[in-house]
C-alpha atoms as a PDB file:
ATOM      1  CA  MET A   1      23.250 -21.267  -5.602  1.00  0.00           C
ATOM      2  CA  THR A   2      23.818 -24.223  -7.908  1.00  0.00           C
ATOM      3  CA  ARG A   3      20.775 -24.391 -10.157  1.00  0.00           C
ATOM      4  CA  LEU A   4      22.903 -23.769 -13.257  1.00  0.00           C
ATOM      5  CA  ASN A   5      25.827 -26.016 -12.314  1.00  0.00           C
ATOM      6  CA  ASN A   6      27.475 -27.618 -15.350  1.00  0.00           C
ATOM      7  CA  LYS A   7      25.729 -25.143 -17.663  1.00  0.00           C
ATOM      8  CA  VAL A   8      27.415 -22.733 -20.065  1.00  0.00           C
ATOM      9  CA  ALA A   9      25.897 -19.384 -21.025  1.00  0.00           C
ATOM     10  CA  LEU A  10      26.774 -16.855 -23.699  1.00  0.00           C
ATOM     11  CA  VAL A  11      25.655 -13.284 -22.996  1.00  0.00           C
ATOM     12  CA  THR A  12      26.079 -10.894 -25.898  1.00  0.00           C
ATOM     13  CA  GLY A  13      26.898  -7.359 -24.849  1.00  0.00           C
ATOM     14  CA  GLY A  14      27.932  -8.706 -21.472  1.00  0.00           C
ATOM     15  CA  SER A  15      30.690  -6.237 -20.663  1.00  0.00           C
ATOM     16  CA  ARG A  16      28.525  -3.659 -18.881  1.00  0.00           C
ATOM     17  CA  GLY A  17      25.034  -2.582 -17.891  1.00  0.00           C
ATOM     18  CA  ILE A  18      22.226  -5.119 -18.022  1.00  0.00           C
ATOM     19  CA  GLY A  19      24.352  -7.618 -19.936  1.00  0.00           C
ATOM     20  CA  ALA A  20      27.077  -7.643 -17.278  1.00  0.00           C
ATOM     21  CA  ALA A  21      24.499  -8.016 -14.506  1.00  0.00           C
ATOM     22  CA  ILE A  22      22.990 -11.004 -16.320  1.00  0.00           C
ATOM     23  CA  ALA A  23      26.392 -12.608 -16.806  1.00  0.00           C
ATOM     24  CA  LEU A  24      27.218 -12.219 -13.117  1.00  0.00           C
ATOM     25  CA  LYS A  25      23.848 -13.539 -11.966  1.00  0.00           C
ATOM     26  CA  LEU A  26      24.087 -16.630 -14.160  1.00  0.00           C
ATOM     27  CA  ALA A  27      27.586 -17.208 -12.795  1.00  0.00           C
ATOM     28  CA  GLU A  28      26.306 -16.840  -9.226  1.00  0.00           C
ATOM     29  CA  ASP A  29      23.790 -19.549 -10.074  1.00  0.00           C
ATOM     30  CA  GLY A  30      26.584 -21.865 -11.191  1.00  0.00           C
ATOM     31  CA  ALA A  31      27.071 -21.350 -14.926  1.00  0.00           C
ATOM     32  CA  ASP A  32      30.312 -20.806 -16.786  1.00  0.00           C
ATOM     33  CA  ILE A  33      30.075 -17.670 -18.890  1.00  0.00           C
ATOM     34  CA  ALA A  34      31.146 -16.285 -22.244  1.00  0.00           C
ATOM     35  CA  ILE A  35      30.430 -12.643 -23.007  1.00  0.00           C
ATOM     36  CA  THR A  36      30.803 -10.596 -26.152  1.00  0.00           C
ATOM     37  CA  TYR A  37      31.823  -6.972 -26.368  1.00  0.00           C
ATOM     38  CA  THR A  38      32.401  -4.477 -29.155  1.00  0.00           C
ATOM     39  CA  SER A  39      34.830  -1.855 -27.851  1.00  0.00           C
ATOM     40  CA  ALA A  40      34.771  -1.877 -24.039  1.00  0.00           C
ATOM     41  CA  ALA A  41      37.662  -4.305 -23.583  1.00  0.00           C
ATOM     42  CA  ALA A  42      38.501  -3.033 -20.100  1.00  0.00           C
ATOM     43  CA  LYS A  43      34.903  -3.438 -18.944  1.00  0.00           C
ATOM     44  CA  ALA A  44      34.775  -6.919 -20.453  1.00  0.00           C
ATOM     45  CA  ASP A  45      37.932  -7.848 -18.559  1.00  0.00           C
ATOM     46  CA  GLU A  46      36.400  -6.555 -15.314  1.00  0.00           C
ATOM     47  CA  THR A  47      33.332  -8.705 -15.854  1.00  0.00           C
ATOM     48  CA  VAL A  48      35.418 -11.787 -16.610  1.00  0.00           C
ATOM     49  CA  LYS A  49      37.477 -11.281 -13.447  1.00  0.00           C
ATOM     50  CA  ALA A  50      34.335 -10.789 -11.355  1.00  0.00           C
ATOM     51  CA  ILE A  51      32.930 -14.065 -12.684  1.00  0.00           C
ATOM     52  CA  GLU A  52      36.183 -15.876 -12.019  1.00  0.00           C
ATOM     53  CA  LYS A  53      36.104 -14.642  -8.422  1.00  0.00           C
ATOM     54  CA  LEU A  54      32.819 -16.535  -8.104  1.00  0.00           C
ATOM     55  CA  GLY A  55      34.681 -19.713  -9.018  1.00  0.00           C
ATOM     56  CA  ARG A  56      33.307 -19.961 -12.549  1.00  0.00           C
ATOM     57  CA  ARG A  57      35.079 -20.063 -15.889  1.00  0.00           C
ATOM     58  CA  ALA A  58      34.696 -16.982 -18.059  1.00  0.00           C
ATOM     59  CA  ILE A  59      35.866 -15.709 -21.433  1.00  0.00           C
ATOM     60  CA  ALA A  60      35.330 -12.466 -23.346  1.00  0.00           C
ATOM     61  CA  ILE A  61      34.994 -12.501 -27.118  1.00  0.00           C
ATOM     62  CA  LYS A  62      35.219  -9.378 -29.249  1.00  0.00           C
ATOM     63  CA  ALA A  63      32.262  -9.461 -31.648  1.00  0.00           C
ATOM     64  CA  ASP A  64      30.349  -6.527 -33.100  1.00  0.00           C
ATOM     65  CA  ASN A  65      26.637  -7.264 -33.547  1.00  0.00           C
ATOM     66  CA  LEU A  66      26.823  -5.416 -36.868  1.00  0.00           C
ATOM     67  CA  ASP A  67      29.012  -8.249 -38.170  1.00  0.00           C
ATOM     68  CA  ALA A  68      26.862 -11.350 -38.621  1.00  0.00           C
ATOM     69  CA  ALA A  69      29.892 -13.569 -39.238  1.00  0.00           C
ATOM     70  CA  ALA A  70      31.505 -12.367 -35.996  1.00  0.00           C
ATOM     71  CA  VAL A  71      28.326 -13.090 -34.049  1.00  0.00           C
ATOM     72  CA  GLU A  72      28.129 -16.632 -35.406  1.00  0.00           C
ATOM     73  CA  ALA A  73      31.831 -17.151 -34.741  1.00  0.00           C
ATOM     74  CA  ALA A  74      31.385 -15.976 -31.134  1.00  0.00           C
ATOM     75  CA  VAL A  75      28.709 -18.602 -30.527  1.00  0.00           C
ATOM     76  CA  ASN A  76      30.947 -21.309 -31.919  1.00  0.00           C
ATOM     77  CA  GLU A  77      33.961 -20.046 -29.935  1.00  0.00           C
ATOM     78  CA  ALA A  78      32.004 -20.062 -26.676  1.00  0.00           C
ATOM     79  CA  HIS A  79      30.960 -23.641 -27.352  1.00  0.00           C
ATOM     80  CA  ALA A  80      34.481 -24.740 -28.308  1.00  0.00           C
ATOM     81  CA  LYS A  81      36.300 -23.102 -25.406  1.00  0.00           C
ATOM     82  CA  LEU A  82      33.798 -23.884 -22.654  1.00  0.00           C
ATOM     83  CA  GLY A  83      32.808 -27.313 -23.919  1.00  0.00           C
ATOM     84  CA  ARG A  84      29.080 -26.865 -24.434  1.00  0.00           C
ATOM     85  CA  LEU A  85      26.356 -24.218 -24.765  1.00  0.00           C
ATOM     86  CA  ASP A  86      23.112 -24.311 -22.805  1.00  0.00           C
ATOM     87  CA  ILE A  87      21.977 -20.695 -22.534  1.00  0.00           C
ATOM     88  CA  LEU A  88      22.068 -17.783 -24.968  1.00  0.00           C
ATOM     89  CA  VAL A  89      21.131 -14.288 -23.852  1.00  0.00           C
ATOM     90  CA  ASN A  90      20.803 -11.782 -26.684  1.00  0.00           C
ATOM     91  CA  SER A  91      21.553  -8.646 -24.692  1.00  0.00           C
ATOM     92  CA  ALA A  92      23.748  -6.458 -26.908  1.00  0.00           C
ATOM     93  CA  GLY A  93      21.925  -3.302 -27.908  1.00  0.00           C
ATOM     94  CA  VAL A  94      21.971   0.388 -28.668  1.00  0.00           C
ATOM     95  CA  PHE A  95      19.530   3.232 -28.143  1.00  0.00           C
ATOM     96  CA  SER A  96      18.333   5.395 -31.013  1.00  0.00           C
ATOM     97  CA  VAL A  97      16.181   8.535 -30.921  1.00  0.00           C
ATOM     98  CA  ASP A  98      15.149  10.528 -33.986  1.00  0.00           C
ATOM     99  CA  GLN A  99      11.987  12.047 -35.376  1.00  0.00           C
ATOM    100  CA  ILE A 100      10.610  10.267 -38.438  1.00  0.00           C
ATOM    101  CA  GLU A 101      11.189  13.394 -40.534  1.00  0.00           C
ATOM    102  CA  THR A 102      14.952  13.189 -40.026  1.00  0.00           C
ATOM    103  CA  ALA A 103      15.482   9.473 -39.344  1.00  0.00           C
ATOM    104  CA  THR A 104      17.722   7.850 -41.927  1.00  0.00           C
ATOM    105  CA  LEU A 105      17.620   4.469 -43.606  1.00  0.00           C
ATOM    106  CA  ASP A 106      21.224   3.897 -42.539  1.00  0.00           C
ATOM    107  CA  GLU A 107      20.246   4.294 -38.882  1.00  0.00           C
ATOM    108  CA  PHE A 108      17.233   2.037 -39.363  1.00  0.00           C
ATOM    109  CA  ASP A 109      19.453  -0.662 -40.871  1.00  0.00           C
ATOM    110  CA  ARG A 110      22.066  -0.238 -38.125  1.00  0.00           C
ATOM    111  CA  VAL A 111      19.628  -0.662 -35.254  1.00  0.00           C
ATOM    112  CA  MET A 112      17.732  -3.510 -36.880  1.00  0.00           C
ATOM    113  CA  SER A 113      21.010  -5.297 -37.566  1.00  0.00           C
ATOM    114  CA  ILE A 114      22.231  -4.948 -33.987  1.00  0.00           C
ATOM    115  CA  HIS A 115      18.958  -5.925 -32.344  1.00  0.00           C
ATOM    116  CA  VAL A 116      17.164  -8.255 -34.742  1.00  0.00           C
ATOM    117  CA  ARG A 117      19.562  -9.687 -37.314  1.00  0.00           C
ATOM    118  CA  ALA A 118      22.253 -10.438 -34.726  1.00  0.00           C
ATOM    119  CA  SER A 119      19.706 -12.111 -32.420  1.00  0.00           C
ATOM    120  CA  PHE A 120      18.510 -14.247 -35.328  1.00  0.00           C
ATOM    121  CA  VAL A 121      22.077 -15.213 -36.256  1.00  0.00           C
ATOM    122  CA  ALA A 122      23.115 -15.993 -32.682  1.00  0.00           C
ATOM    123  CA  SER A 123      19.948 -17.959 -31.956  1.00  0.00           C
ATOM    124  CA  LYS A 124      20.269 -20.024 -35.137  1.00  0.00           C
ATOM    125  CA  ALA A 125      23.905 -20.843 -34.366  1.00  0.00           C
ATOM    126  CA  ALA A 126      23.209 -21.593 -30.698  1.00  0.00           C
ATOM    127  CA  ALA A 127      20.199 -23.793 -31.380  1.00  0.00           C
ATOM    128  CA  ALA A 128      22.364 -26.016 -33.586  1.00  0.00           C
ATOM    129  CA  LEU A 129      24.674 -26.629 -30.614  1.00  0.00           C
ATOM    130  CA  MET A 130      22.149 -26.919 -27.778  1.00  0.00           C
ATOM    131  CA  GLY A 131      20.585 -30.088 -26.542  1.00  0.00           C
ATOM    132  CA  ALA A 132      17.226 -30.565 -24.847  1.00  0.00           C
ATOM    133  CA  GLY A 133      16.786 -28.021 -22.076  1.00  0.00           C
ATOM    134  CA  GLY A 134      18.489 -25.212 -23.960  1.00  0.00           C
ATOM    135  CA  ARG A 135      17.423 -21.659 -23.220  1.00  0.00           C
ATOM    136  CA  ILE A 136      17.363 -18.573 -25.443  1.00  0.00           C
ATOM    137  CA  VAL A 137      16.410 -15.249 -23.858  1.00  0.00           C
ATOM    138  CA  SER A 138      16.425 -11.940 -25.726  1.00  0.00           C
ATOM    139  CA  ILE A 139      16.445  -8.548 -24.052  1.00  0.00           C
ATOM    140  CA  GLY A 140      13.788  -6.370 -25.622  1.00  0.00           C
ATOM    141  CA  SER A 141      12.162  -3.230 -24.244  1.00  0.00           C
ATOM    142  CA  ASN A 142       8.797  -2.128 -22.913  1.00  0.00           C
ATOM    143  CA  LEU A 143       8.974   0.373 -25.801  1.00  0.00           C
ATOM    144  CA  GLY A 144       8.326  -2.534 -28.128  1.00  0.00           C
ATOM    145  CA  GLU A 145       4.726  -2.515 -26.883  1.00  0.00           C
ATOM    146  CA  ARG A 146       3.974   1.058 -25.869  1.00  0.00           C
ATOM    147  CA  VAL A 147       5.653   4.278 -26.989  1.00  0.00           C
ATOM    148  CA  PRO A 148       4.942   7.254 -24.687  1.00  0.00           C
ATOM    149  CA  PHE A 149       7.411   9.686 -26.294  1.00  0.00           C
ATOM    150  CA  PRO A 150       8.106  10.795 -29.873  1.00  0.00           C
ATOM    151  CA  GLY A 151      11.304   9.959 -31.719  1.00  0.00           C
ATOM    152  CA  LEU A 152      11.338   6.201 -31.133  1.00  0.00           C
ATOM    153  CA  SER A 153      10.152   4.796 -34.464  1.00  0.00           C
ATOM    154  CA  ILE A 154      13.401   2.958 -35.215  1.00  0.00           C
ATOM    155  CA  TYR A 155      14.131   1.719 -31.699  1.00  0.00           C
ATOM    156  CA  ALA A 156      10.555   0.621 -30.963  1.00  0.00           C
ATOM    157  CA  THR A 157      10.295  -1.176 -34.303  1.00  0.00           C
ATOM    158  CA  SER A 158      13.447  -3.169 -33.599  1.00  0.00           C
ATOM    159  CA  LYS A 159      12.269  -4.224 -30.153  1.00  0.00           C
ATOM    160  CA  ALA A 160       8.790  -5.147 -31.389  1.00  0.00           C
ATOM    161  CA  ALA A 161      10.413  -7.293 -34.074  1.00  0.00           C
ATOM    162  CA  LEU A 162      12.208  -9.236 -31.337  1.00  0.00           C
ATOM    163  CA  VAL A 163       8.834 -10.271 -29.927  1.00  0.00           C
ATOM    164  CA  GLY A 164       7.860 -11.803 -33.267  1.00  0.00           C
ATOM    165  CA  LEU A 165      11.231 -13.510 -33.578  1.00  0.00           C
ATOM    166  CA  THR A 166      10.879 -14.936 -30.072  1.00  0.00           C
ATOM    167  CA  LYS A 167       7.455 -16.425 -30.755  1.00  0.00           C
ATOM    168  CA  ALA A 168       8.521 -17.909 -34.094  1.00  0.00           C
ATOM    169  CA  LEU A 169      11.712 -19.428 -32.679  1.00  0.00           C
ATOM    170  CA  ALA A 170       9.730 -20.901 -29.794  1.00  0.00           C
ATOM    171  CA  ARG A 171       7.565 -22.753 -32.323  1.00  0.00           C
ATOM    172  CA  ASP A 172      10.556 -23.950 -34.326  1.00  0.00           C
ATOM    173  CA  LEU A 173      12.598 -25.086 -31.334  1.00  0.00           C
ATOM    174  CA  GLY A 174       9.872 -26.445 -29.055  1.00  0.00           C
ATOM    175  CA  PRO A 175      10.208 -29.994 -30.403  1.00  0.00           C
ATOM    176  CA  LYS A 176      13.886 -29.880 -29.369  1.00  0.00           C
ATOM    177  CA  GLU A 177      12.889 -28.829 -25.804  1.00  0.00           C
ATOM    178  CA  ILE A 178      14.641 -25.471 -26.280  1.00  0.00           C
ATOM    179  CA  THR A 179      12.703 -22.561 -24.794  1.00  0.00           C
ATOM    180  CA  VAL A 180      12.760 -19.055 -26.250  1.00  0.00           C
ATOM    181  CA  ASN A 181      11.530 -15.993 -24.356  1.00  0.00           C
ATOM    182  CA  ILE A 182      11.970 -12.235 -24.270  1.00  0.00           C
ATOM    183  CA  VAL A 183      12.455  -9.951 -21.268  1.00  0.00           C
ATOM    184  CA  GLN A 184      11.329  -6.353 -21.801  1.00  0.00           C
ATOM    185  CA  PRO A 185      12.895  -3.881 -19.359  1.00  0.00           C
ATOM    186  CA  GLY A 186      11.641  -0.395 -18.773  1.00  0.00           C
ATOM    187  CA  SER A 187      13.724   2.433 -17.351  1.00  0.00           C
ATOM    188  CA  THR A 188      16.790   0.802 -15.825  1.00  0.00           C
ATOM    189  CA  ASP A 189      19.649   2.655 -14.171  1.00  0.00           C
ATOM    190  CA  THR A 190      22.627   2.100 -16.501  1.00  0.00           C
ATOM    191  CA  ASP A 191      25.141   4.302 -18.246  1.00  0.00           C
ATOM    192  CA  MET A 192      22.847   4.237 -21.282  1.00  0.00           C
ATOM    193  CA  ASN A 193      19.893   5.626 -19.297  1.00  0.00           C
ATOM    194  CA  PRO A 194      20.999   6.854 -15.849  1.00  0.00           C
ATOM    195  CA  ALA A 195      18.463   7.463 -13.096  1.00  0.00           C
ATOM    196  CA  ASN A 196      19.801  11.010 -12.730  1.00  0.00           C
ATOM    197  CA  GLY A 197      19.707  11.772 -16.456  1.00  0.00           C
ATOM    198  CA  ASP A 198      18.021  14.721 -18.150  1.00  0.00           C
ATOM    199  CA  HIS A 199      14.921  12.709 -19.080  1.00  0.00           C
ATOM    200  CA  ALA A 200      14.676  10.557 -15.947  1.00  0.00           C
ATOM    201  CA  ASP A 201      11.900  12.524 -14.241  1.00  0.00           C
ATOM    202  CA  ALA A 202       9.660  12.232 -17.285  1.00  0.00           C
ATOM    203  CA  GLN A 203      10.163   8.472 -17.267  1.00  0.00           C
ATOM    204  CA  ARG A 204       9.440   8.149 -13.546  1.00  0.00           C
ATOM    205  CA  ALA A 205       6.194  10.086 -14.012  1.00  0.00           C
ATOM    206  CA  LEU A 206       4.860   7.235 -16.162  1.00  0.00           C
ATOM    207  CA  MET A 207       5.619   4.488 -13.653  1.00  0.00           C
ATOM    208  CA  ALA A 208       3.382   2.915 -11.017  1.00  0.00           C
ATOM    209  CA  ILE A 209       6.546   2.395  -8.970  1.00  0.00           C
ATOM    210  CA  PRO A 210       8.199   5.774  -9.587  1.00  0.00           C
ATOM    211  CA  ARG A 211      11.848   4.754  -9.578  1.00  0.00           C
ATOM    212  CA  PHE A 212      14.273   3.243 -12.039  1.00  0.00           C
ATOM    213  CA  GLY A 213      14.903  -0.469 -11.981  1.00  0.00           C
ATOM    214  CA  GLN A 214      18.318  -1.927 -11.289  1.00  0.00           C
ATOM    215  CA  ALA A 215      20.208  -4.135 -13.711  1.00  0.00           C
ATOM    216  CA  ARG A 216      20.073  -6.940 -11.147  1.00  0.00           C
ATOM    217  CA  ASP A 217      16.254  -6.869 -11.355  1.00  0.00           C
ATOM    218  CA  ILE A 218      16.427  -7.757 -15.029  1.00  0.00           C
ATOM    219  CA  ALA A 219      19.141 -10.332 -14.359  1.00  0.00           C
ATOM    220  CA  GLY A 220      16.991 -12.110 -11.804  1.00  0.00           C
ATOM    221  CA  LEU A 221      14.175 -12.629 -14.283  1.00  0.00           C
ATOM    222  CA  VAL A 222      16.572 -13.893 -16.944  1.00  0.00           C
ATOM    223  CA  ALA A 223      18.090 -16.330 -14.448  1.00  0.00           C
ATOM    224  CA  PHE A 224      14.626 -17.654 -13.588  1.00  0.00           C
ATOM    225  CA  LEU A 225      13.885 -18.328 -17.261  1.00  0.00           C
ATOM    226  CA  ALA A 226      17.314 -19.913 -17.719  1.00  0.00           C
ATOM    227  CA  GLY A 227      16.849 -22.273 -14.796  1.00  0.00           C
ATOM    228  CA  ASP A 228      14.801 -25.404 -14.349  1.00  0.00           C
ATOM    229  CA  GLU A 229      11.821 -23.338 -13.214  1.00  0.00           C
ATOM    230  CA  GLY A 230      11.528 -21.964 -16.748  1.00  0.00           C
ATOM    231  CA  ARG A 231      11.376 -25.319 -18.491  1.00  0.00           C
ATOM    232  CA  PHE A 232       7.689 -24.997 -19.495  1.00  0.00           C
ATOM    233  CA  ILE A 233       7.750 -21.296 -20.419  1.00  0.00           C
ATOM    234  CA  THR A 234       8.339 -20.466 -24.067  1.00  0.00           C
ATOM    235  CA  GLY A 235       7.272 -17.908 -26.637  1.00  0.00           C
ATOM    236  CA  SER A 236       6.480 -15.451 -23.865  1.00  0.00           C
ATOM    237  CA  ALA A 237       7.254 -11.759 -23.322  1.00  0.00           C
ATOM    238  CA  PHE A 238       7.918 -10.568 -19.776  1.00  0.00           C
ATOM    239  CA  THR A 239       7.711  -6.824 -19.139  1.00  0.00           C
ATOM    240  CA  ILE A 240       9.651  -5.559 -16.129  1.00  0.00           C
ATOM    241  CA  ASP A 241       9.200  -1.796 -15.998  1.00  0.00           C
ATOM    242  CA  GLY A 242       7.766  -0.700 -12.656  1.00  0.00           C
ATOM    243  CA  GLY A 243       4.275  -0.578 -14.083  1.00  0.00           C
ATOM    244  CA  THR A 244       4.928   1.837 -16.961  1.00  0.00           C
ATOM    245  CA  ASN A 245       2.858  -0.213 -19.417  1.00  0.00           C
ATOM    246  CA  ILE A 246      -0.158  -0.978 -17.245  1.00  0.00           C
END
């Protein structure tokens, strides 16, 4: 497919899991790709090579979402090395589980920094470089809207905050014809939450379609929003969770 020909995308956390699937899908659709990674250098290299096999340019940039300066620098490096920036996908993330009685402020700050502050920093830097038709997509979670299990106060708060950030950025950037949306996956088969994990059956019991999603399912929705078909969609949250939240 060629719907993203001559486009450049930056996918944070693109070395593995959902982020890697998004990077590959955008490359399949014609985009050149930059990804960021924190520690999985080998995985990042695998993703870059897979993209290059598709005939697209690809670079990996080491940037920890806890370091705001590194996140901003990664956006600027992607733009400098690939010549432009049209699409930003805020995908880097962590999972955090703790009861409110034992949850710490340090963990709250860590998760909020990785999910919310870094997305704000990256989006601000990217928007300054994008022209009309730019796309910003953040990866949230269905847990930002509905929390069926205890222990998710920090994680759910961070993902709900991304919804507010998405809507506010959409208002700010609409006059520049830059769209901003959020994709909210449910249980997705990755190394962070495998379909054969200890808590997988409990998750499937909540779903209208009782199976885990695949990373490529999430990637397909992101690619739709990044393409021309998504040009009039902004400030919207798209839940893709097999019917968990209905």
